[in-house]
Protein backbone atom coordinates (compact mmCIF):
# COMPACT_ATOMS: atom_id res chain seq x y z
CA MET A 1 105.85 119.33 100.51
CA ALA A 2 105.52 117.18 103.62
CA ALA A 3 108.35 115.44 105.42
CA ARG A 4 110.42 112.96 103.47
CA ASN A 5 108.84 109.55 103.11
CA THR A 6 111.58 107.22 104.30
CA ALA A 7 109.37 104.15 103.98
CA SER A 8 108.89 104.45 100.22
CA ALA A 9 109.99 101.53 98.13
CA HIS A 10 113.07 102.03 95.95
CA THR A 11 113.73 100.00 92.86
CA ASP A 12 117.33 99.01 92.32
CA ILE A 13 118.01 99.51 88.62
CA HIS A 14 121.00 97.20 88.92
CA GLN A 15 118.76 94.17 89.50
CA ALA A 16 118.03 93.72 85.80
CA PRO A 17 118.32 90.26 84.28
CA SER A 18 121.85 89.30 83.29
CA ALA A 19 122.99 89.84 79.72
CA ARG A 20 121.75 87.27 77.23
CA SER A 21 124.17 84.82 75.67
CA ASP A 22 122.84 85.37 72.15
CA GLU A 23 123.94 88.00 69.63
CA SER A 24 122.46 90.85 71.69
CA SER A 25 124.89 90.21 74.55
CA ASN A 26 127.30 92.87 73.30
CA ARG A 27 124.62 95.60 73.49
CA THR A 28 124.39 97.77 76.59
CA ASP A 29 121.54 96.80 78.88
CA LEU A 30 119.88 100.14 79.75
CA ALA A 31 118.50 98.81 83.01
CA ARG A 32 122.03 98.02 84.19
CA THR A 33 123.83 101.22 83.23
CA ASP A 34 124.51 103.97 85.74
CA ARG A 35 122.21 106.82 84.73
CA SER A 36 122.57 108.87 87.89
CA PRO A 37 122.08 112.57 87.09
CA ALA A 38 124.67 113.42 89.75
CA ARG A 39 127.38 111.68 87.75
CA SER A 40 129.34 114.11 85.61
CA GLU A 41 129.22 113.28 81.93
CA ASP A 42 132.18 113.93 79.67
CA ASN A 43 130.00 114.59 76.65
CA GLY A 44 127.10 116.62 78.10
CA ARG A 45 124.33 116.62 80.65
CA THR A 46 120.71 115.56 80.75
CA ASP A 47 118.01 117.85 82.11
CA ILE A 48 114.51 116.48 82.75
CA ALA A 49 111.59 118.91 82.65
CA ASP A 50 109.01 118.99 85.42
CA HIS A 51 106.16 118.03 83.08
CA VAL A 52 108.03 114.88 82.02
CA VAL A 53 108.24 113.70 85.64
CA ALA A 54 104.58 114.68 86.13
CA LYS A 55 103.48 112.59 83.12
CA ILE A 56 105.48 109.57 84.26
CA SER A 57 104.03 109.91 87.77
CA GLY A 58 100.47 110.26 86.47
CA MET A 59 100.74 107.22 84.23
CA ALA A 60 102.26 105.13 87.05
CA ALA A 61 99.46 106.15 89.45
CA ARG A 62 96.75 105.32 86.90
CA GLU A 63 98.13 101.78 86.55
CA VAL A 64 97.06 100.99 90.12
CA ARG A 65 93.75 99.16 90.46
CA GLY A 66 91.38 101.20 92.59
CA VAL A 67 92.36 104.60 91.17
CA HIS A 68 89.24 105.85 89.42
CA ARG A 69 90.42 109.23 88.23
CA MET A 70 93.21 111.74 88.76
CA GLY A 71 92.89 115.33 89.93
CA GLY A 72 90.77 117.18 92.42
CA GLY A 73 87.24 118.31 91.70
CA ALA A 74 88.28 121.85 90.76
CA ALA A 75 90.96 120.66 88.32
CA ARG A 76 88.52 118.30 86.62
CA ALA A 77 85.88 121.05 86.40
CA PHE A 78 88.30 123.56 84.87
CA ASP A 79 89.49 120.96 82.36
CA ALA A 80 85.90 120.17 81.38
CA VAL A 81 85.28 123.87 80.70
CA ARG A 82 88.57 124.26 78.77
CA GLU A 83 87.75 121.29 76.54
CA ARG A 84 84.56 123.03 75.38
CA ILE A 85 86.35 126.24 74.35
CA PRO A 86 87.70 126.02 70.78
CA GLY A 87 91.45 126.52 70.59
CA SER A 88 92.03 126.17 74.32
CA THR A 89 94.65 123.89 75.75
CA SER A 90 93.58 121.49 78.43
CA THR A 91 95.94 120.06 81.01
CA ASN A 92 97.55 116.97 79.61
CA ALA A 93 95.51 114.03 80.86
CA ALA A 94 98.64 112.12 81.86
CA ALA A 95 99.76 114.88 84.22
CA ARG A 96 96.30 115.87 85.54
CA GLY A 97 96.26 115.76 89.33
CA VAL A 98 100.05 115.66 89.61
CA SER A 99 102.47 118.35 90.71
CA VAL A 100 106.20 117.85 91.04
CA GLU A 101 109.37 119.56 92.18
CA VAL A 102 112.41 118.47 90.23
CA GLY A 103 115.98 119.16 91.30
CA LYS A 104 119.28 118.04 89.82
CA THR A 105 119.26 114.60 91.46
CA GLN A 106 115.94 114.36 93.33
CA THR A 107 112.23 114.88 92.82
CA ALA A 108 109.13 115.09 95.00
CA VAL A 109 105.64 114.26 93.74
CA ASP A 110 102.15 115.29 94.91
CA ILE A 111 99.20 113.31 93.53
CA ASN A 112 95.47 114.04 93.83
CA LEU A 113 93.12 111.21 92.97
CA VAL A 114 89.64 109.77 93.19
CA VAL A 115 89.42 106.20 94.50
CA GLU A 116 86.89 103.47 93.86
CA TYR A 117 84.45 102.74 96.69
CA GLY A 118 85.47 99.73 98.78
CA VAL A 119 89.22 100.05 98.23
CA SER A 120 91.45 100.38 101.29
CA ILE A 121 92.77 103.94 100.96
CA PRO A 122 95.98 103.38 103.02
CA ASP A 123 96.80 100.25 100.98
CA LEU A 124 96.03 102.03 97.71
CA ALA A 125 98.21 105.01 98.68
CA ALA A 126 101.10 102.66 99.51
CA VAL A 127 100.83 100.92 96.14
CA VAL A 128 100.59 104.26 94.30
CA ARG A 129 103.72 105.46 96.14
CA ARG A 130 105.66 102.32 95.20
CA ASN A 131 104.53 102.39 91.57
CA VAL A 132 105.27 106.11 91.10
CA THR A 133 108.66 105.82 92.81
CA ALA A 134 109.66 102.82 90.72
CA GLY A 135 108.50 104.38 87.45
CA VAL A 136 110.13 107.76 87.98
CA GLU A 137 113.41 106.34 89.27
CA ARG A 138 113.59 103.77 86.47
CA MET A 139 112.83 106.21 83.67
CA THR A 140 114.67 109.31 84.89
CA GLY A 141 117.36 108.16 87.30
CA LEU A 142 116.15 110.80 89.77
CA GLU A 143 115.79 109.83 93.42
CA VAL A 144 112.17 110.18 94.53
CA THR A 145 112.26 111.72 98.00
CA GLU A 146 108.51 111.65 98.61
CA VAL A 147 105.18 110.85 97.00
CA ASN A 148 102.30 112.61 98.73
CA VAL A 149 98.87 111.16 97.93
CA THR A 150 95.71 113.21 98.47
CA VAL A 151 92.36 111.47 98.07
CA ASP A 152 89.95 114.18 96.90
CA ASP A 153 86.89 112.04 96.34
CA ILE A 154 85.53 108.53 96.28
CA HIS A 155 83.74 107.08 93.26
CA LEU A 156 80.48 105.37 94.25
CA PRO A 157 78.74 102.74 92.10
CA ASP A 158 75.71 105.06 91.88
CA ASP A 159 77.89 107.74 90.27
CA GLU A 160 77.98 105.78 86.98
CA ALA A 161 74.32 106.55 86.30
CA GLN A 162 74.87 110.25 86.97
CA GLU A 163 78.01 110.40 84.77
CA ALA A 164 76.39 108.71 81.77
CA PRO A 165 75.35 111.21 79.10
CA ALA A 166 71.64 111.82 79.00
CA GLU A 167 69.58 110.85 75.97
CA PRO A 168 69.35 113.73 73.54
CA ARG A 169 66.04 115.52 73.69
CA VAL A 170 65.81 115.78 69.92
CA ARG A 171 67.01 113.59 67.06
């Protein structure tokens, strides 16, 4: 992993809307509770698997306009081959192009993606970093130390014609 990204945006989970005055006001607001994994729990602990953080990160990155696809060319090619083999397991689409390191209180994320032509890559990378950081921290309580974005390819408008399935030769 590269050096820690100190400029990444952090979402404060304590900035949730105040409790409602209706009948639900006596329920615990999950966005306002302290879910820090470092805090010792009297009744147990919570462990979060690497693939859970990878799925959350992948979904958060895909939400950003300008991200065409996730994963490098080799990963997409291997997945395409795996999908054609009966009984094989393909990489989960949500985690494709994402690798993570998860510790007890922190995580680091590496993302490979394909961007749409015409999108500012530095701006897109910044938005992906913010979205992934906010999603992972909100859902897991883990501190995201870095989000490394690798742009493996750019999707050109002409690529749509090449990606479209060809007409079958026989009917």
